[in-house]
Amino acid sequence: MCFHTFQWILELFRSRLQGLSGAPIRTTICTKKQLVIALWILMTPDSYSLTQQAEAMWTNIEEKYGMTKVIGAVNGTLIKNVAPSIEPLSYICRKGFHAMQLQVVCDKLRFIHAYAG
């Protein structure tokens, strides 16, 4: 793709991409980087396969649970812990006690990813 084509696509989608912002704590990814990421995913050879997998997943979940266009679930919880000796203030959660965040991603009622931190 030439630079002028990229710029044209960027201008076409800029207003929609600028409206996408993360949580107040996170910094927003610039529109140029958002477009590069999207194009890279779309040009990856197995991206069509991933689309088919997503469609099969949301069809399955819609038939079983009646939720439309859902391909999985993300949930998080706080795990209380004792204040660490190094940087204890970094571990105070939004509820005011020392904790670590646990986030999990599920599909078909099985964990496919977990993050603690």
C-alpha atoms as a PDB file:
ATOM      1  CA  MET A   1       0.000   0.000   0.000  1.00  0.00           C
ATOM      2  CA  CYS A   2       1.401   3.393  -0.913  1.00  0.00           C
ATOM      3  CA  PHE A   3       1.630   6.266   1.558  1.00  0.00           C
ATOM      4  CA  HIS A   4      -1.108   8.304  -0.163  1.00  0.00           C
ATOM      5  CA  THR A   5      -3.561   5.384   0.029  1.00  0.00           C
ATOM      6  CA  PHE A   6      -2.786   4.962   3.731  1.00  0.00           C
ATOM      7  CA  GLN A   7      -3.348   8.696   4.325  1.00  0.00           C
ATOM      8  CA  TRP A   8      -6.647   8.579   2.409  1.00  0.00           C
ATOM      9  CA  ILE A   9      -7.900   5.621   4.505  1.00  0.00           C
ATOM     10  CA  LEU A  10      -6.711   7.331   7.690  1.00  0.00           C
ATOM     11  CA  GLU A  11      -8.639  10.509   6.863  1.00  0.00           C
ATOM     12  CA  LEU A  12     -11.696   8.432   5.989  1.00  0.00           C
ATOM     13  CA  PHE A  13     -11.753   6.730   9.427  1.00  0.00           C
ATOM     14  CA  ARG A  14     -10.029   9.347  11.613  1.00  0.00           C
ATOM     15  CA  SER A  15     -13.205  10.720  13.235  1.00  0.00           C
ATOM     16  CA  ARG A  16     -14.382   7.233  14.205  1.00  0.00           C
ATOM     17  CA  LEU A  17     -10.947   6.176  15.478  1.00  0.00           C
ATOM     18  CA  GLN A  18     -10.538   9.333  17.574  1.00  0.00           C
ATOM     19  CA  GLY A  19     -13.818   8.559  19.330  1.00  0.00           C
ATOM     20  CA  LEU A  20     -12.376   5.286  20.651  1.00  0.00           C
ATOM     21  CA  SER A  21     -10.730   5.869  23.995  1.00  0.00           C
ATOM     22  CA  GLY A  22      -9.724   3.492  26.729  1.00  0.00           C
ATOM     23  CA  ALA A  23     -10.373   3.684  30.434  1.00  0.00           C
ATOM     24  CA  PRO A  24      -9.436   7.007  32.076  1.00  0.00           C
ATOM     25  CA  ILE A  25      -6.203   5.485  33.396  1.00  0.00           C
ATOM     26  CA  ARG A  26      -5.011   4.227  30.005  1.00  0.00           C
ATOM     27  CA  THR A  27      -3.577   6.362  27.239  1.00  0.00           C
ATOM     28  CA  THR A  28      -5.343   6.263  23.888  1.00  0.00           C
ATOM     29  CA  ILE A  29      -3.539   4.733  20.922  1.00  0.00           C
ATOM     30  CA  CYS A  30      -3.047   7.328  18.174  1.00  0.00           C
ATOM     31  CA  THR A  31      -5.253   6.977  15.098  1.00  0.00           C
ATOM     32  CA  LYS A  32      -2.333   6.165  12.783  1.00  0.00           C
ATOM     33  CA  LYS A  33      -1.268   3.267  15.009  1.00  0.00           C
ATOM     34  CA  GLN A  34      -4.869   2.016  15.316  1.00  0.00           C
ATOM     35  CA  LEU A  35      -5.131   1.879  11.517  1.00  0.00           C
ATOM     36  CA  VAL A  36      -1.773   0.117  11.134  1.00  0.00           C
ATOM     37  CA  ILE A  37      -2.843  -2.532  13.664  1.00  0.00           C
ATOM     38  CA  ALA A  38      -6.207  -3.043  11.956  1.00  0.00           C
ATOM     39  CA  LEU A  39      -4.620  -3.358   8.502  1.00  0.00           C
ATOM     40  CA  TRP A  40      -1.987  -5.778   9.807  1.00  0.00           C
ATOM     41  CA  ILE A  41      -4.685  -8.009  11.344  1.00  0.00           C
ATOM     42  CA  LEU A  42      -6.768  -7.895   8.171  1.00  0.00           C
ATOM     43  CA  MET A  43      -3.767  -8.756   5.988  1.00  0.00           C
ATOM     44  CA  THR A  44      -2.657 -11.675   8.163  1.00  0.00           C
ATOM     45  CA  PRO A  45      -3.310 -14.904   6.226  1.00  0.00           C
ATOM     46  CA  ASP A  46      -5.446 -16.533   8.914  1.00  0.00           C
ATOM     47  CA  SER A  47      -7.569 -13.452   9.727  1.00  0.00           C
ATOM     48  CA  TYR A  48     -10.407 -14.817   7.563  1.00  0.00           C
ATOM     49  CA  SER A  49     -10.232 -18.058   9.534  1.00  0.00           C
ATOM     50  CA  LEU A  50     -10.476 -16.076  12.774  1.00  0.00           C
ATOM     51  CA  THR A  51     -13.565 -14.304  11.436  1.00  0.00           C
ATOM     52  CA  GLN A  52     -15.170 -17.649  10.655  1.00  0.00           C
ATOM     53  CA  GLN A  53     -14.286 -18.908  14.147  1.00  0.00           C
ATOM     54  CA  ALA A  54     -15.808 -15.790  15.727  1.00  0.00           C
ATOM     55  CA  GLU A  55     -19.013 -16.182  13.711  1.00  0.00           C
ATOM     56  CA  ALA A  56     -19.255 -19.868  14.674  1.00  0.00           C
ATOM     57  CA  MET A  57     -18.685 -18.941  18.334  1.00  0.00           C
ATOM     58  CA  TRP A  58     -21.348 -16.238  18.480  1.00  0.00           C
ATOM     59  CA  THR A  59     -23.835 -18.487  16.677  1.00  0.00           C
ATOM     60  CA  ASN A  60     -23.178 -21.208  19.255  1.00  0.00           C
ATOM     61  CA  ILE A  61     -23.554 -18.822  22.215  1.00  0.00           C
ATOM     62  CA  GLU A  62     -26.693 -17.248  20.728  1.00  0.00           C
ATOM     63  CA  GLU A  63     -28.319 -20.678  20.284  1.00  0.00           C
ATOM     64  CA  LYS A  64     -27.397 -21.870  23.794  1.00  0.00           C
ATOM     65  CA  TYR A  65     -27.798 -18.684  25.864  1.00  0.00           C
ATOM     66  CA  GLY A  66     -29.779 -16.229  23.718  1.00  0.00           C
ATOM     67  CA  MET A  67     -27.028 -13.573  23.702  1.00  0.00           C
ATOM     68  CA  THR A  68     -26.341 -12.122  20.253  1.00  0.00           C
ATOM     69  CA  LYS A  69     -22.911 -11.280  18.794  1.00  0.00           C
ATOM     70  CA  VAL A  70     -21.031 -12.591  21.856  1.00  0.00           C
ATOM     71  CA  ILE A  71     -17.817 -14.530  21.264  1.00  0.00           C
ATOM     72  CA  GLY A  72     -16.642 -14.915  24.848  1.00  0.00           C
ATOM     73  CA  ALA A  73     -16.547 -13.284  28.251  1.00  0.00           C
ATOM     74  CA  VAL A  74     -14.040 -11.192  30.171  1.00  0.00           C
ATOM     75  CA  ASN A  75     -14.262 -10.802  33.926  1.00  0.00           C
ATOM     76  CA  GLY A  76     -12.037  -9.563  36.650  1.00  0.00           C
ATOM     77  CA  THR A  77     -11.846  -9.756  40.399  1.00  0.00           C
ATOM     78  CA  LEU A  78      -9.688  -8.386  43.175  1.00  0.00           C
ATOM     79  CA  ILE A  79      -7.644 -10.771  45.279  1.00  0.00           C
ATOM     80  CA  LYS A  80      -6.854  -9.319  48.718  1.00  0.00           C
ATOM     81  CA  ASN A  81      -3.238  -9.661  49.808  1.00  0.00           C
ATOM     82  CA  VAL A  82      -0.805  -8.421  52.428  1.00  0.00           C
ATOM     83  CA  ALA A  83       0.992  -5.186  51.600  1.00  0.00           C
ATOM     84  CA  PRO A  84       4.334  -5.997  49.939  1.00  0.00           C
ATOM     85  CA  SER A  85       7.487  -4.460  51.381  1.00  0.00           C
ATOM     86  CA  ILE A  86       8.442  -2.903  48.035  1.00  0.00           C
ATOM     87  CA  GLU A  87       6.101  -0.158  46.742  1.00  0.00           C
ATOM     88  CA  PRO A  88       3.094  -1.033  48.927  1.00  0.00           C
ATOM     89  CA  LEU A  89       1.100   1.967  47.641  1.00  0.00           C
ATOM     90  CA  SER A  90       1.153   0.490  44.119  1.00  0.00           C
ATOM     91  CA  TYR A  91      -0.975  -2.395  45.332  1.00  0.00           C
ATOM     92  CA  ILE A  92      -3.855  -0.400  46.807  1.00  0.00           C
ATOM     93  CA  CYS A  93      -6.883  -1.089  44.639  1.00  0.00           C
ATOM     94  CA  ARG A  94      -9.750   1.234  43.728  1.00  0.00           C
ATOM     95  CA  LYS A  95     -11.644  -0.034  46.794  1.00  0.00           C
ATOM     96  CA  GLY A  96      -8.880   1.123  49.144  1.00  0.00           C
ATOM     97  CA  PHE A  97      -7.191  -2.121  50.234  1.00  0.00           C
ATOM     98  CA  HIS A  98      -4.126  -4.058  49.091  1.00  0.00           C
ATOM     99  CA  ALA A  99      -5.039  -6.400  46.261  1.00  0.00           C
ATOM    100  CA  MET A 100      -4.062  -7.774  42.879  1.00  0.00           C
ATOM    101  CA  GLN A 101      -6.350  -7.776  39.874  1.00  0.00           C
ATOM    102  CA  LEU A 102      -7.168 -11.114  38.247  1.00  0.00           C
ATOM    103  CA  GLN A 103      -8.670 -11.002  34.761  1.00  0.00           C
ATOM    104  CA  VAL A 104      -9.827 -14.046  32.824  1.00  0.00           C
ATOM    105  CA  VAL A 105     -11.149 -14.551  29.303  1.00  0.00           C
ATOM    106  CA  CYS A 106     -13.500 -17.449  28.564  1.00  0.00           C
ATOM    107  CA  ASP A 107     -15.082 -19.115  25.573  1.00  0.00           C
ATOM    108  CA  LYS A 108     -17.319 -22.184  25.648  1.00  0.00           C
ATOM    109  CA  LEU A 109     -17.141 -22.047  29.461  1.00  0.00           C
ATOM    110  CA  ARG A 110     -13.375 -22.629  29.563  1.00  0.00           C
ATOM    111  CA  PHE A 111     -10.537 -20.252  30.427  1.00  0.00           C
ATOM    112  CA  ILE A 112      -8.472 -19.307  27.386  1.00  0.00           C
ATOM    113  CA  HIS A 113      -6.429 -16.533  29.017  1.00  0.00           C
ATOM    114  CA  ALA A 114      -5.682 -15.298  32.531  1.00  0.00           C
ATOM    115  CA  TYR A 115      -3.753 -12.277  33.771  1.00  0.00           C
ATOM    116  CA  ALA A 116      -2.859 -11.353  37.329  1.00  0.00           C
ATOM    117  CA  GLY A 117      -1.143  -8.131  38.228  1.00  0.00           C
END
